[in-house]
Amino acid sequence: MSGSPEELDRLVSVLVDNAVKYCDDNGSIRVRLEQRKREIVLTVTNPCASLTTQDTRRMFDRFYRADASRSRSTGGNGIGLSIAQGIVSRHEGSIRARKLGSELELRVTLPNG
């Protein structure tokens, strides 16, 4: 895989930081990195029962905050996932969010090679 080491480091940091901030109390965060023949897949999953499917459609919008009351206690300004999306785009990859029951899965796919 080729790319900017600084940007890829920032990408991982943003995704993990987001999972930590919005993880349900006493929840576990899972980070998985998978190398495939033509792509690298990074998946970050965390419990986030209050998140809706509607939120997953907007969470990459700059300044979007899914839960304003919780956002005040976690800090941040709603640009982290937008930054992550920009990094992924510059590396010709894709990023998506989906709700899996009470969990949020963020999946990044980047070209390998």
C-alpha atoms as a PDB file:
ATOM      1  CA  MET A   1       0.000   0.000   0.000  1.00  0.00           C
ATOM      2  CA  SER A   2       1.263   3.458  -0.781  1.00  0.00           C
ATOM      3  CA  GLY A   3       0.158   6.747   0.665  1.00  0.00           C
ATOM      4  CA  SER A   4       1.014   9.509   3.056  1.00  0.00           C
ATOM      5  CA  PRO A   5       2.080   7.929   6.377  1.00  0.00           C
ATOM      6  CA  GLU A   6       1.057  11.088   8.229  1.00  0.00           C
ATOM      7  CA  GLU A   7      -2.412  11.132   6.705  1.00  0.00           C
ATOM      8  CA  LEU A   8      -2.955   7.414   7.241  1.00  0.00           C
ATOM      9  CA  ASP A   9      -1.890   7.785  10.870  1.00  0.00           C
ATOM     10  CA  ARG A  10      -4.355  10.668  11.233  1.00  0.00           C
ATOM     11  CA  LEU A  11      -7.090   8.546   9.649  1.00  0.00           C
ATOM     12  CA  VAL A  12      -6.660   5.752  12.186  1.00  0.00           C
ATOM     13  CA  SER A  13      -6.472   8.275  15.031  1.00  0.00           C
ATOM     14  CA  VAL A  14      -9.698   9.990  13.961  1.00  0.00           C
ATOM     15  CA  LEU A  15     -11.609   6.710  13.656  1.00  0.00           C
ATOM     16  CA  VAL A  16     -10.430   5.336  17.002  1.00  0.00           C
ATOM     17  CA  ASP A  17     -10.949   8.686  18.749  1.00  0.00           C
ATOM     18  CA  ASN A  18     -14.500   8.845  17.394  1.00  0.00           C
ATOM     19  CA  ALA A  19     -15.194   5.310  18.635  1.00  0.00           C
ATOM     20  CA  VAL A  20     -13.851   6.135  22.105  1.00  0.00           C
ATOM     21  CA  LYS A  21     -15.877   9.357  22.365  1.00  0.00           C
ATOM     22  CA  TYR A  22     -19.177   7.842  21.301  1.00  0.00           C
ATOM     23  CA  CYS A  23     -18.893   4.310  22.669  1.00  0.00           C
ATOM     24  CA  ASP A  24     -21.695   3.331  25.048  1.00  0.00           C
ATOM     25  CA  ASP A  25     -20.669   3.080  28.706  1.00  0.00           C
ATOM     26  CA  ASN A  26     -18.690  -0.106  29.441  1.00  0.00           C
ATOM     27  CA  GLY A  27     -18.613  -0.939  25.738  1.00  0.00           C
ATOM     28  CA  SER A  28     -15.737  -2.482  23.809  1.00  0.00           C
ATOM     29  CA  ILE A  29     -14.171  -1.062  20.671  1.00  0.00           C
ATOM     30  CA  ARG A  30     -12.975  -3.457  17.994  1.00  0.00           C
ATOM     31  CA  VAL A  31     -10.364  -2.485  15.411  1.00  0.00           C
ATOM     32  CA  ARG A  32      -9.646  -4.881  12.569  1.00  0.00           C
ATOM     33  CA  LEU A  33      -7.130  -4.524   9.750  1.00  0.00           C
ATOM     34  CA  GLU A  34      -7.377  -6.965   6.872  1.00  0.00           C
ATOM     35  CA  GLN A  35      -4.999  -7.176   3.922  1.00  0.00           C
ATOM     36  CA  ARG A  36      -6.596  -8.553   0.800  1.00  0.00           C
ATOM     37  CA  LYS A  37      -5.099  -9.100  -2.620  1.00  0.00           C
ATOM     38  CA  ARG A  38      -6.135  -5.710  -4.028  1.00  0.00           C
ATOM     39  CA  GLU A  39      -7.215  -3.757  -0.961  1.00  0.00           C
ATOM     40  CA  ILE A  40      -6.673  -3.014   2.698  1.00  0.00           C
ATOM     41  CA  VAL A  41      -9.793  -2.938   4.884  1.00  0.00           C
ATOM     42  CA  LEU A  42      -9.836  -1.162   8.251  1.00  0.00           C
ATOM     43  CA  THR A  43     -12.944  -1.662  10.365  1.00  0.00           C
ATOM     44  CA  VAL A  44     -13.693   0.117  13.655  1.00  0.00           C
ATOM     45  CA  THR A  45     -16.791  -1.068  15.526  1.00  0.00           C
ATOM     46  CA  ASN A  46     -18.249   0.216  18.780  1.00  0.00           C
ATOM     47  CA  PRO A  47     -21.555  -0.004  20.662  1.00  0.00           C
ATOM     48  CA  CYS A  48     -23.603   3.133  20.090  1.00  0.00           C
ATOM     49  CA  ALA A  49     -27.254   2.336  20.778  1.00  0.00           C
ATOM     50  CA  SER A  50     -28.465   5.946  20.484  1.00  0.00           C
ATOM     51  CA  LEU A  51     -27.219   6.316  16.898  1.00  0.00           C
ATOM     52  CA  THR A  52     -29.844   6.027  14.163  1.00  0.00           C
ATOM     53  CA  THR A  53     -29.609   4.882  10.566  1.00  0.00           C
ATOM     54  CA  GLN A  54     -30.362   8.509   9.628  1.00  0.00           C
ATOM     55  CA  ASP A  55     -27.253   9.563  11.586  1.00  0.00           C
ATOM     56  CA  THR A  56     -25.069   7.149   9.598  1.00  0.00           C
ATOM     57  CA  ARG A  57     -26.153   8.889   6.391  1.00  0.00           C
ATOM     58  CA  ARG A  58     -25.002  12.284   7.661  1.00  0.00           C
ATOM     59  CA  MET A  59     -22.051  11.550   9.919  1.00  0.00           C
ATOM     60  CA  PHE A  60     -19.463  12.463   7.262  1.00  0.00           C
ATOM     61  CA  ASP A  61     -21.042  15.909   6.792  1.00  0.00           C
ATOM     62  CA  ARG A  62     -18.796  18.609   8.211  1.00  0.00           C
ATOM     63  CA  PHE A  63     -20.026  19.818  11.640  1.00  0.00           C
ATOM     64  CA  TYR A  64     -22.760  17.151  11.898  1.00  0.00           C
ATOM     65  CA  ARG A  65     -23.314  15.976  15.483  1.00  0.00           C
ATOM     66  CA  ALA A  66     -25.625  13.009  16.035  1.00  0.00           C
ATOM     67  CA  ASP A  67     -26.389  13.729  19.695  1.00  0.00           C
ATOM     68  CA  ALA A  68     -25.876  17.359  20.675  1.00  0.00           C
ATOM     69  CA  SER A  69     -26.275  16.726  24.406  1.00  0.00           C
ATOM     70  CA  ARG A  70     -23.663  13.978  24.404  1.00  0.00           C
ATOM     71  CA  SER A  71     -21.404  15.980  22.100  1.00  0.00           C
ATOM     72  CA  ARG A  72     -21.024  18.702  24.707  1.00  0.00           C
ATOM     73  CA  SER A  73     -19.616  16.197  27.188  1.00  0.00           C
ATOM     74  CA  THR A  74     -17.265  14.518  24.687  1.00  0.00           C
ATOM     75  CA  GLY A  75     -15.835  17.657  23.123  1.00  0.00           C
ATOM     76  CA  GLY A  76     -14.975  18.056  19.466  1.00  0.00           C
ATOM     77  CA  ASN A  77     -16.638  20.079  16.761  1.00  0.00           C
ATOM     78  CA  GLY A  78     -18.052  17.543  14.317  1.00  0.00           C
ATOM     79  CA  ILE A  79     -15.316  17.558  11.682  1.00  0.00           C
ATOM     80  CA  GLY A  80     -13.357  14.390  12.511  1.00  0.00           C
ATOM     81  CA  LEU A  81     -15.213  12.009  10.214  1.00  0.00           C
ATOM     82  CA  SER A  82     -15.286  14.636   7.464  1.00  0.00           C
ATOM     83  CA  ILE A  83     -11.488  14.835   7.734  1.00  0.00           C
ATOM     84  CA  ALA A  84     -11.306  11.026   7.615  1.00  0.00           C
ATOM     85  CA  GLN A  85     -13.439  11.004   4.479  1.00  0.00           C
ATOM     86  CA  GLY A  86     -11.104  13.523   2.830  1.00  0.00           C
ATOM     87  CA  ILE A  87      -8.031  11.433   3.655  1.00  0.00           C
ATOM     88  CA  VAL A  88      -9.681   8.287   2.283  1.00  0.00           C
ATOM     89  CA  SER A  89     -10.707  10.124  -0.886  1.00  0.00           C
ATOM     90  CA  ARG A  90      -7.160  11.409  -1.459  1.00  0.00           C
ATOM     91  CA  HIS A  91      -5.956   7.798  -1.205  1.00  0.00           C
ATOM     92  CA  GLU A  92      -8.580   6.670  -3.767  1.00  0.00           C
ATOM     93  CA  GLY A  93     -10.485   4.603  -1.223  1.00  0.00           C
ATOM     94  CA  SER A  94     -13.941   4.478   0.267  1.00  0.00           C
ATOM     95  CA  ILE A  95     -15.383   4.915   3.755  1.00  0.00           C
ATOM     96  CA  ARG A  96     -18.824   3.962   4.958  1.00  0.00           C
ATOM     97  CA  ALA A  97     -20.794   3.865   8.164  1.00  0.00           C
ATOM     98  CA  ARG A  98     -23.487   1.386   8.978  1.00  0.00           C
ATOM     99  CA  LYS A  99     -25.610   0.482  11.941  1.00  0.00           C
ATOM    100  CA  LEU A 100     -25.390  -3.175  12.974  1.00  0.00           C
ATOM    101  CA  GLY A 101     -27.996  -3.652  15.673  1.00  0.00           C
ATOM    102  CA  SER A 102     -26.795  -1.462  18.533  1.00  0.00           C
ATOM    103  CA  GLU A 103     -23.299  -1.026  17.063  1.00  0.00           C
ATOM    104  CA  LEU A 104     -21.719   1.414  14.651  1.00  0.00           C
ATOM    105  CA  GLU A 105     -19.290   0.055  12.075  1.00  0.00           C
ATOM    106  CA  LEU A 106     -16.944   2.381  10.200  1.00  0.00           C
ATOM    107  CA  ARG A 107     -15.239   0.616   7.304  1.00  0.00           C
ATOM    108  CA  VAL A 108     -12.397   2.037   5.228  1.00  0.00           C
ATOM    109  CA  THR A 109     -11.259   0.314   2.051  1.00  0.00           C
ATOM    110  CA  LEU A 110      -8.003   1.456   0.425  1.00  0.00           C
ATOM    111  CA  PRO A 111      -6.246   0.135  -2.685  1.00  0.00           C
ATOM    112  CA  ASN A 112      -3.360  -2.249  -2.019  1.00  0.00           C
ATOM    113  CA  GLY A 113      -0.626  -1.804  -4.543  1.00  0.00           C
END
